[in-house]
Amino acid sequence: MKQEDKQPDPDEITENYSFGYQSSTGLTAYKSFESHTIQSVLSNFLTFLQTLGFSYVGKITLESKDGTKTWTT
């Protein structure tokens, strides 16, 4: 009997993400989106920060817990 791989294709997995921010002056901003990759999540987060006025943030780097992988915008 042939065993089938029950894991979904990573390219077919879509996850939903949301970022939110509320300033001390009451400004509230939200961004929600779907993504297939960590790289896309980082790019969306960078855009979110820059849209809020954090223009000095030029890139974001994410490192895996075990330190074997990194992602950078």
Protein backbone atom coordinates (compact mmCIF):
# COMPACT_ATOMS: atom_id res chain seq x y z
CA MET A 1 0.00 0.00 0.00
CA LYS A 2 1.40 3.37 -1.04
CA GLN A 3 1.55 5.98 1.70
CA GLU A 4 0.54 9.50 0.74
CA ASP A 5 2.17 12.64 2.08
CA LYS A 6 -0.55 14.37 4.08
CA GLN A 7 1.35 17.68 4.28
CA PRO A 8 -0.11 20.46 2.11
CA ASP A 9 2.02 22.05 -0.56
CA PRO A 10 3.62 25.16 1.04
CA ASP A 11 2.72 27.18 -2.06
CA GLU A 12 -0.95 26.41 -1.45
CA ILE A 13 -0.97 27.46 2.21
CA THR A 14 -2.37 30.93 2.80
CA GLU A 15 -2.36 32.49 6.24
CA ASN A 16 -4.00 35.70 7.42
CA TYR A 17 -2.02 38.36 9.27
CA SER A 18 -2.98 41.63 10.94
CA PHE A 19 -0.95 44.45 12.40
CA GLY A 20 -2.37 47.17 14.60
CA TYR A 21 -1.08 50.36 16.16
CA GLN A 22 -2.57 52.96 18.47
CA SER A 23 -0.58 56.09 19.30
CA SER A 24 -0.72 58.07 22.52
CA THR A 25 -2.66 60.74 20.59
CA GLY A 26 -5.36 58.27 19.58
CA LEU A 27 -4.24 57.51 16.02
CA THR A 28 -5.22 53.95 15.16
CA ALA A 29 -4.02 52.03 12.12
CA TYR A 30 -4.55 48.45 11.02
CA LYS A 31 -3.31 46.34 8.14
CA SER A 32 -4.63 42.89 7.30
CA PHE A 33 -3.44 40.68 4.47
CA GLU A 34 -2.96 37.11 3.27
CA SER A 35 0.47 35.66 2.68
CA HIS A 36 2.18 32.53 1.44
CA THR A 37 5.70 33.38 2.66
CA ILE A 38 7.58 34.84 5.60
CA GLN A 39 9.25 37.22 3.15
CA SER A 40 5.85 38.66 2.25
CA VAL A 41 4.97 39.09 5.93
CA LEU A 42 8.20 41.02 6.52
CA SER A 43 7.63 43.22 3.48
CA ASN A 44 4.08 44.03 4.59
CA PHE A 45 5.27 44.81 8.13
CA LEU A 46 7.99 47.12 6.79
CA THR A 47 5.42 48.95 4.64
CA PHE A 48 3.10 49.20 7.66
CA LEU A 49 5.83 50.77 9.81
CA GLN A 50 6.89 53.22 7.11
CA THR A 51 3.26 54.23 6.47
CA LEU A 52 2.92 55.07 10.17
CA GLY A 53 5.85 57.46 9.87
CA PHE A 54 8.68 55.23 10.96
CA SER A 55 10.58 56.19 7.80
CA TYR A 56 13.93 55.52 9.47
CA VAL A 57 13.18 51.77 9.43
CA GLY A 58 14.96 50.69 6.25
CA LYS A 59 14.91 46.93 6.64
CA ILE A 60 13.77 44.16 8.91
CA THR A 61 15.69 40.97 9.60
CA LEU A 62 14.12 37.85 11.08
CA GLU A 63 16.17 34.94 12.39
CA SER A 64 14.92 31.43 13.13
CA LYS A 65 15.04 30.25 16.74
CA ASP A 66 17.89 27.86 16.01
CA GLY A 67 19.81 30.53 14.08
CA THR A 68 20.05 28.53 10.88
CA LYS A 69 17.82 30.76 8.72
CA THR A 70 17.41 34.49 8.23
CA TRP A 71 15.01 36.57 6.18
CA THR A 72 15.58 40.24 5.34
CA THR A 73 13.45 42.80 3.53
